[in-house]
């Protein structure tokens, strides 16, 4: 049976692949500009408060996302 990797082991594996803390942070920040913080938090498994605080720091404007989604049906190509 495989066990889940620890945070330290996962960080080491990512670093060994050339994925640095800086690049992970940059990717997270870019995703926060593209999708709402609660959605990203759910996708990556971080605490929603952390994602919301980062979004505030980045001045992303997703405050009205829920209201827009409630009034507009999703578009499907």
PDB file of N, CA and C in Angstrom:
ATOM      1  N   UNK A   1       0.838  -1.172   0.000  1.00  0.00           N
ATOM      2  CA  UNK A   1       0.000   0.000   0.000  1.00  0.00           C
ATOM      3  C   UNK A   1       0.894   1.250   0.000  1.00  0.00           C
ATOM      4  N   UNK A   2       0.595   2.211  -0.897  1.00  0.00           N
ATOM      5  CA  UNK A   2       1.355   3.460  -0.976  1.00  0.00           C
ATOM      6  C   UNK A   2       0.830   4.460   0.033  1.00  0.00           C
ATOM      7  N   UNK A   3       1.728   5.202   0.607  1.00  0.00           N
ATOM      8  CA  UNK A   3       1.316   6.258   1.516  1.00  0.00           C
ATOM      9  C   UNK A   3       1.394   7.595   0.794  1.00  0.00           C
ATOM     10  N   UNK A   4       0.669   8.545   1.293  1.00  0.00           N
ATOM     11  CA  UNK A   4       0.700   9.880   0.708  1.00  0.00           C
ATOM     12  C   UNK A   4       2.048  10.524   0.979  1.00  0.00           C
ATOM     13  N   UNK A   5       2.547  11.262   0.008  1.00  0.00           N
ATOM     14  CA  UNK A   5       3.830  11.932   0.248  1.00  0.00           C
ATOM     15  C   UNK A   5       3.662  13.051   1.288  1.00  0.00           C
ATOM     16  N   UNK A   6       4.678  13.231   2.091  1.00  0.00           N
ATOM     17  CA  UNK A   6       4.642  14.336   3.039  1.00  0.00           C
ATOM     18  C   UNK A   6       4.877  15.629   2.267  1.00  0.00           C
ATOM     19  N   UNK A   7       4.550  16.743   2.902  1.00  0.00           N
ATOM     20  CA  UNK A   7       4.788  18.035   2.245  1.00  0.00           C
ATOM     21  C   UNK A   7       6.256  18.187   1.873  1.00  0.00           C
ATOM     22  N   UNK A   8       7.117  17.802   2.796  1.00  0.00           N
ATOM     23  CA  UNK A   8       8.551  17.948   2.549  1.00  0.00           C
ATOM     24  C   UNK A   8       8.990  17.091   1.369  1.00  0.00           C
ATOM     25  N   UNK A   9       8.506  15.850   1.316  1.00  0.00           N
ATOM     26  CA  UNK A   9       8.869  14.972   0.190  1.00  0.00           C
ATOM     27  C   UNK A   9       8.323  15.511  -1.126  1.00  0.00           C
ATOM     28  N   UNK A  10       7.113  16.029  -1.096  1.00  0.00           N
ATOM     29  CA  UNK A  10       6.517  16.576  -2.312  1.00  0.00           C
ATOM     30  C   UNK A  10       7.289  17.799  -2.785  1.00  0.00           C
ATOM     31  N   UNK A  11       7.637  18.677  -1.859  1.00  0.00           N
ATOM     32  CA  UNK A  11       8.442  19.856  -2.223  1.00  0.00           C
ATOM     33  C   UNK A  11       9.779  19.437  -2.825  1.00  0.00           C
ATOM     34  N   UNK A  12      10.392  18.447  -2.225  1.00  0.00           N
ATOM     35  CA  UNK A  12      11.685  17.955  -2.736  1.00  0.00           C
ATOM     36  C   UNK A  12      11.520  17.386  -4.137  1.00  0.00           C
ATOM     37  N   UNK A  13      10.471  16.620  -4.353  1.00  0.00           N
ATOM     38  CA  UNK A  13      10.243  16.035  -5.682  1.00  0.00           C
ATOM     39  C   UNK A  13       9.998  17.118  -6.720  1.00  0.00           C
ATOM     40  N   UNK A  14       9.195  18.130  -6.344  1.00  0.00           N
ATOM     41  CA  UNK A  14       8.940  19.236  -7.273  1.00  0.00           C
ATOM     42  C   UNK A  14      10.223  19.999  -7.585  1.00  0.00           C
ATOM     43  N   UNK A  15      11.012  20.267  -6.558  1.00  0.00           N
ATOM     44  CA  UNK A  15      12.282  20.973  -6.756  1.00  0.00           C
ATOM     45  C   UNK A  15      13.202  20.167  -7.671  1.00  0.00           C
ATOM     46  N   UNK A  16      13.248  18.856  -7.463  1.00  0.00           N
ATOM     47  CA  UNK A  16      14.075  17.998  -8.306  1.00  0.00           C
ATOM     48  C   UNK A  16      13.635  18.044  -9.767  1.00  0.00           C
ATOM     49  N   UNK A  17      12.358  18.316  -9.985  1.00  0.00           N
ATOM     50  CA  UNK A  17      11.829  18.444 -11.351  1.00  0.00           C
ATOM     51  C   UNK A  17      12.020  19.850 -11.908  1.00  0.00           C
ATOM     52  N   UNK A  18      12.587  20.735 -11.092  1.00  0.00           N
ATOM     53  CA  UNK A  18      12.820  22.106 -11.539  1.00  0.00           C
ATOM     54  C   UNK A  18      11.667  23.046 -11.258  1.00  0.00           C
ATOM     55  N   UNK A  19      10.712  22.586 -10.468  1.00  0.00           N
ATOM     56  CA  UNK A  19       9.545  23.409 -10.132  1.00  0.00           C
ATOM     57  C   UNK A  19       9.810  24.036  -8.766  1.00  0.00           C
ATOM     58  N   UNK A  20      10.231  25.281  -8.781  1.00  0.00           N
ATOM     59  CA  UNK A  20      10.636  25.966  -7.564  1.00  0.00           C
ATOM     60  C   UNK A  20       9.441  26.576  -6.831  1.00  0.00           C
ATOM     61  N   UNK A  21       9.692  26.988  -5.611  1.00  0.00           N
ATOM     62  CA  UNK A  21       8.662  27.673  -4.830  1.00  0.00           C
ATOM     63  C   UNK A  21       8.195  28.930  -5.565  1.00  0.00           C
ATOM     64  N   UNK A  22       9.139  29.634  -6.148  1.00  0.00           N
ATOM     65  CA  UNK A  22       8.810  30.861  -6.894  1.00  0.00           C
ATOM     66  C   UNK A  22       7.882  30.561  -8.065  1.00  0.00           C
ATOM     67  N   UNK A  23       8.160  29.496  -8.793  1.00  0.00           N
ATOM     68  CA  UNK A  23       7.311  29.168  -9.940  1.00  0.00           C
ATOM     69  C   UNK A  23       5.941  28.668  -9.494  1.00  0.00           C
ATOM     70  N   UNK A  24       5.880  27.935  -8.390  1.00  0.00           N
ATOM     71  CA  UNK A  24       4.575  27.499  -7.868  1.00  0.00           C
ATOM     72  C   UNK A  24       3.744  28.707  -7.433  1.00  0.00           C
ATOM     73  N   UNK A  25       4.404  29.662  -6.773  1.00  0.00           N
ATOM     74  CA  UNK A  25       3.703  30.864  -6.330  1.00  0.00           C
ATOM     75  C   UNK A  25       3.210  31.667  -7.528  1.00  0.00           C
ATOM     76  N   UNK A  26       4.048  31.803  -8.539  1.00  0.00           N
ATOM     77  CA  UNK A  26       3.651  32.539  -9.741  1.00  0.00           C
ATOM     78  C   UNK A  26       2.456  31.872 -10.424  1.00  0.00           C
ATOM     79  N   UNK A  27       2.463  30.551 -10.498  1.00  0.00           N
ATOM     80  CA  UNK A  27       1.346  29.828 -11.114  1.00  0.00           C
ATOM     81  C   UNK A  27       0.066  30.008 -10.308  1.00  0.00           C
ATOM     82  N   UNK A  28       0.186  29.923  -8.985  1.00  0.00           N
ATOM     83  CA  UNK A  28      -0.977  30.108  -8.112  1.00  0.00           C
ATOM     84  C   UNK A  28      -1.543  31.515  -8.291  1.00  0.00           C
ATOM     85  N   UNK A  29      -0.662  32.520  -8.311  1.00  0.00           N
ATOM     86  CA  UNK A  29      -1.106  33.898  -8.478  1.00  0.00           C
ATOM     87  C   UNK A  29      -1.789  34.105  -9.827  1.00  0.00           C
ATOM     88  N   UNK A  30      -1.242  33.507 -10.874  1.00  0.00           N
ATOM     89  CA  UNK A  30      -1.864  33.638 -12.192  1.00  0.00           C
ATOM     90  C   UNK A  30      -3.243  32.986 -12.208  1.00  0.00           C
ATOM     91  N   UNK A  31      -3.356  31.832 -11.603  1.00  0.00           N
ATOM     92  CA  UNK A  31      -4.661  31.175 -11.547  1.00  0.00           C
ATOM     93  C   UNK A  31      -5.672  32.017 -10.764  1.00  0.00           C
ATOM     94  N   UNK A  32      -5.213  32.704  -9.720  1.00  0.00           N
ATOM     95  CA  UNK A  32      -6.109  33.583  -8.967  1.00  0.00           C
ATOM     96  C   UNK A  32      -6.636  34.727  -9.820  1.00  0.00           C
ATOM     97  N   UNK A  33      -5.882  35.121 -10.826  1.00  0.00           N
ATOM     98  CA  UNK A  33      -6.344  36.172 -11.737  1.00  0.00           C
ATOM     99  C   UNK A  33      -7.365  35.638 -12.736  1.00  0.00           C
ATOM    100  N   UNK A  34      -7.404  34.313 -12.890  1.00  0.00           N
ATOM    101  CA  UNK A  34      -8.264  33.706 -13.904  1.00  0.00           C
ATOM    102  C   UNK A  34      -9.520  33.059 -13.347  1.00  0.00           C
ATOM    103  N   UNK A  35      -9.466  32.591 -12.104  1.00  0.00           N
ATOM    104  CA  UNK A  35     -10.635  31.955 -11.496  1.00  0.00           C
ATOM    105  C   UNK A  35     -10.799  32.447 -10.058  1.00  0.00           C
ATOM    106  N   UNK A  36     -12.000  32.379  -9.526  1.00  0.00           N
ATOM    107  CA  UNK A  36     -12.236  32.855  -8.155  1.00  0.00           C
ATOM    108  C   UNK A  36     -11.443  32.063  -7.117  1.00  0.00           C
ATOM    109  N   UNK A  37     -11.066  32.757  -6.065  1.00  0.00           N
ATOM    110  CA  UNK A  37     -10.260  32.153  -4.998  1.00  0.00           C
ATOM    111  C   UNK A  37     -10.890  30.887  -4.411  1.00  0.00           C
ATOM    112  N   UNK A  38     -12.204  30.868  -4.104  1.00  0.00           N
ATOM    113  CA  UNK A  38     -12.776  29.636  -3.533  1.00  0.00           C
ATOM    114  C   UNK A  38     -12.687  28.438  -4.486  1.00  0.00           C
ATOM    115  N   UNK A  39     -12.821  28.710  -5.773  1.00  0.00           N
ATOM    116  CA  UNK A  39     -12.727  27.629  -6.765  1.00  0.00           C
ATOM    117  C   UNK A  39     -11.304  27.092  -6.805  1.00  0.00           C
ATOM    118  N   UNK A  40     -10.327  27.999  -6.843  1.00  0.00           N
ATOM    119  CA  UNK A  40      -8.922  27.564  -6.865  1.00  0.00           C
ATOM    120  C   UNK A  40      -8.551  26.821  -5.586  1.00  0.00           C
ATOM    121  N   UNK A  41      -9.006  27.323  -4.452  1.00  0.00           N
ATOM    122  CA  UNK A  41      -8.710  26.657  -3.178  1.00  0.00           C
ATOM    123  C   UNK A  41      -9.218  25.222  -3.197  1.00  0.00           C
ATOM    124  N   UNK A  42     -10.417  25.039  -3.718  1.00  0.00           N
ATOM    125  CA  UNK A  42     -10.989  23.698  -3.801  1.00  0.00           C
ATOM    126  C   UNK A  42     -10.182  22.817  -4.758  1.00  0.00           C
ATOM    127  N   UNK A  43      -9.747  23.378  -5.864  1.00  0.00           N
ATOM    128  CA  UNK A  43      -8.996  22.604  -6.858  1.00  0.00           C
ATOM    129  C   UNK A  43      -7.631  22.153  -6.360  1.00  0.00           C
ATOM    130  N   UNK A  44      -6.928  23.037  -5.655  1.00  0.00           N
ATOM    131  CA  UNK A  44      -5.566  22.697  -5.236  1.00  0.00           C
ATOM    132  C   UNK A  44      -5.475  22.211  -3.804  1.00  0.00           C
ATOM    133  N   UNK A  45      -6.578  22.298  -3.066  1.00  0.00           N
ATOM    134  CA  UNK A  45      -6.594  21.775  -1.705  1.00  0.00           C
ATOM    135  C   UNK A  45      -5.971  22.690  -0.664  1.00  0.00           C
ATOM    136  N   UNK A  46      -5.969  23.990  -0.937  1.00  0.00           N
ATOM    137  CA  UNK A  46      -5.463  24.914   0.083  1.00  0.00           C
ATOM    138  C   UNK A  46      -6.647  25.495   0.858  1.00  0.00           C
ATOM    139  N   UNK A  47      -6.358  26.158   1.938  1.00  0.00           N
ATOM    140  CA  UNK A  47      -7.413  26.749   2.753  1.00  0.00           C
ATOM    141  C   UNK A  47      -8.029  27.923   1.992  1.00  0.00           C
ATOM    142  N   UNK A  48      -9.361  27.997   1.932  1.00  0.00           N
ATOM    143  CA  UNK A  48     -10.018  29.090   1.202  1.00  0.00           C
ATOM    144  C   UNK A  48      -9.594  30.477   1.690  1.00  0.00           C
ATOM    145  N   UNK A  49      -9.320  30.607   2.970  1.00  0.00           N
ATOM    146  CA  UNK A  49      -8.900  31.908   3.496  1.00  0.00           C
ATOM    147  C   UNK A  49      -7.546  32.322   2.902  1.00  0.00           C
ATOM    148  N   UNK A  50      -6.641  31.359   2.773  1.00  0.00           N
ATOM    149  CA  UNK A  50      -5.340  31.658   2.170  1.00  0.00           C
ATOM    150  C   UNK A  50      -5.525  32.162   0.742  1.00  0.00           C
ATOM    151  N   UNK A  51      -6.329  31.459  -0.039  1.00  0.00           N
ATOM    152  CA  UNK A  51      -6.558  31.867  -1.431  1.00  0.00           C
ATOM    153  C   UNK A  51      -7.229  33.240  -1.488  1.00  0.00           C
ATOM    154  N   UNK A  52      -8.180  33.490  -0.605  1.00  0.00           N
ATOM    155  CA  UNK A  52      -8.864  34.785  -0.586  1.00  0.00           C
ATOM    156  C   UNK A  52      -7.908  35.912  -0.217  1.00  0.00           C
ATOM    157  N   UNK A  53      -7.033  35.665   0.746  1.00  0.00           N
ATOM    158  CA  UNK A  53      -6.054  36.686   1.141  1.00  0.00           C
ATOM    159  C   UNK A  53      -5.072  36.980   0.011  1.00  0.00           C
ATOM    160  N   UNK A  54      -4.631  35.936  -0.688  1.00  0.00           N
ATOM    161  CA  UNK A  54      -3.736  36.146  -1.834  1.00  0.00           C
ATOM    162  C   UNK A  54      -4.458  36.928  -2.924  1.00  0.00           C
ATOM    163  N   UNK A  55      -5.729  36.591  -3.178  1.00  0.00           N
ATOM    164  CA  UNK A  55      -6.494  37.305  -4.199  1.00  0.00           C
ATOM    165  C   UNK A  55      -6.630  38.781  -3.830  1.00  0.00           C
ATOM    166  N   UNK A  56      -6.852  39.067  -2.553  1.00  0.00           N
ATOM    167  CA  UNK A  56      -6.949  40.453  -2.106  1.00  0.00           C
ATOM    168  C   UNK A  56      -5.621  41.167  -2.319  1.00  0.00           C
ATOM    169  N   UNK A  57      -4.534  40.505  -1.983  1.00  0.00           N
ATOM    170  CA  UNK A  57      -3.208  41.092  -2.175  1.00  0.00           C
ATOM    171  C   UNK A  57      -2.955  41.392  -3.651  1.00  0.00           C
ATOM    172  N   UNK A  58      -3.440  40.514  -4.520  1.00  0.00           N
ATOM    173  CA  UNK A  58      -3.242  40.701  -5.957  1.00  0.00           C
ATOM    174  C   UNK A  58      -4.279  41.642  -6.570  1.00  0.00           C
ATOM    175  N   UNK A  59      -5.255  42.064  -5.761  1.00  0.00           N
ATOM    176  CA  UNK A  59      -6.326  42.968  -6.196  1.00  0.00           C
ATOM    177  C   UNK A  59      -7.139  42.366  -7.337  1.00  0.00           C
ATOM    178  N   UNK A  60      -7.417  41.085  -7.250  1.00  0.00           N
ATOM    179  CA  UNK A  60      -8.293  40.468  -8.247  1.00  0.00           C
ATOM    180  C   UNK A  60      -9.730  40.873  -7.948  1.00  0.00           C
ATOM    181  N   UNK A  61     -10.549  40.927  -8.960  1.00  0.00           N
ATOM    182  CA  UNK A  61     -11.913  41.422  -8.799  1.00  0.00           C
ATOM    183  C   UNK A  61     -12.929  40.308  -9.053  1.00  0.00           C
ATOM    184  N   UNK A  62     -13.023  39.401  -8.125  1.00  0.00           N
ATOM    185  CA  UNK A  62     -13.977  38.304  -8.243  1.00  0.00           C
ATOM    186  C   UNK A  62     -15.114  38.436  -7.236  1.00  0.00           C
ATOM    187  N   UNK A  63     -15.244  39.599  -6.614  1.00  0.00           N
ATOM    188  CA  UNK A  63     -16.251  39.774  -5.577  1.00  0.00           C
ATOM    189  C   UNK A  63     -17.674  39.512  -6.052  1.00  0.00           C
ATOM    190  N   UNK A  64     -17.956  39.818  -7.297  1.00  0.00           N
ATOM    191  CA  UNK A  64     -19.322  39.657  -7.795  1.00  0.00           C
ATOM    192  C   UNK A  64     -19.513  38.376  -8.614  1.00  0.00           C
ATOM    193  N   UNK A  65     -18.566  37.468  -8.558  1.00  0.00           N
ATOM    194  CA  UNK A  65     -18.633  36.240  -9.350  1.00  0.00           C
ATOM    195  C   UNK A  65     -19.909  35.430  -9.078  1.00  0.00           C
ATOM    196  N   UNK A  66     -20.222  35.214  -7.809  1.00  0.00           N
ATOM    197  CA  UNK A  66     -21.407  34.409  -7.472  1.00  0.00           C
ATOM    198  C   UNK A  66     -22.674  35.051  -8.000  1.00  0.00           C
ATOM    199  N   UNK A  67     -22.785  36.354  -7.879  1.00  0.00           N
ATOM    200  CA  UNK A  67     -23.980  37.045  -8.369  1.00  0.00           C
ATOM    201  C   UNK A  67     -24.102  36.933  -9.886  1.00  0.00           C
ATOM    202  N   UNK A  68     -22.985  37.068 -10.577  1.00  0.00           N
ATOM    203  CA  UNK A  68     -23.007  36.945 -12.041  1.00  0.00           C
ATOM    204  C   UNK A  68     -23.404  35.537 -12.450  1.00  0.00           C
ATOM    205  N   UNK A  69     -22.820  34.534 -11.802  1.00  0.00           N
ATOM    206  CA  UNK A  69     -23.144  33.139 -12.132  1.00  0.00           C
ATOM    207  C   UNK A  69     -24.606  32.819 -11.848  1.00  0.00           C
ATOM    208  N   UNK A  70     -25.161  33.421 -10.814  1.00  0.00           N
ATOM    209  CA  UNK A  70     -26.560  33.141 -10.464  1.00  0.00           C
ATOM    210  C   UNK A  70     -27.527  33.719 -11.489  1.00  0.00           C
ATOM    211  N   UNK A  71     -27.142  34.776 -12.173  1.00  0.00           N
ATOM    212  CA  UNK A  71     -28.049  35.419 -13.120  1.00  0.00           C
ATOM    213  C   UNK A  71     -27.802  35.027 -14.563  1.00  0.00           C
ATOM    214  N   UNK A  72     -26.661  34.443 -14.843  1.00  0.00           N
ATOM    215  CA  UNK A  72     -26.300  34.087 -16.199  1.00  0.00           C
ATOM    216  C   UNK A  72     -26.100  32.580 -16.341  1.00  0.00           C
ATOM    217  N   UNK A  73     -26.814  31.943 -17.239  1.00  0.00           N
ATOM    218  CA  UNK A  73     -26.573  30.502 -17.422  1.00  0.00           C
ATOM    219  C   UNK A  73     -25.195  30.289 -18.049  1.00  0.00           C
ATOM    220  N   UNK A  74     -24.535  29.169 -17.717  1.00  0.00           N
ATOM    221  CA  UNK A  74     -23.223  28.905 -18.306  1.00  0.00           C
ATOM    222  C   UNK A  74     -23.335  28.733 -19.808  1.00  0.00           C
ATOM    223  N   UNK A  75     -22.359  29.253 -20.529  1.00  0.00           N
ATOM    224  CA  UNK A  75     -22.352  29.093 -21.981  1.00  0.00           C
ATOM    225  C   UNK A  75     -21.556  27.858 -22.351  1.00  0.00           C
ATOM    226  N   UNK A  76     -22.076  27.104 -23.253  1.00  0.00           N
ATOM    227  CA  UNK A  76     -21.400  25.885 -23.716  1.00  0.00           C
ATOM    228  C   UNK A  76     -21.209  25.991 -25.219  1.00  0.00           C
ATOM    229  N   UNK A  77     -19.960  25.895 -25.665  1.00  0.00           N
ATOM    230  CA  UNK A  77     -19.696  26.015 -27.116  1.00  0.00           C
ATOM    231  C   UNK A  77     -20.287  24.881 -27.897  1.00  0.00           C
TER     232      UNK A  77
END
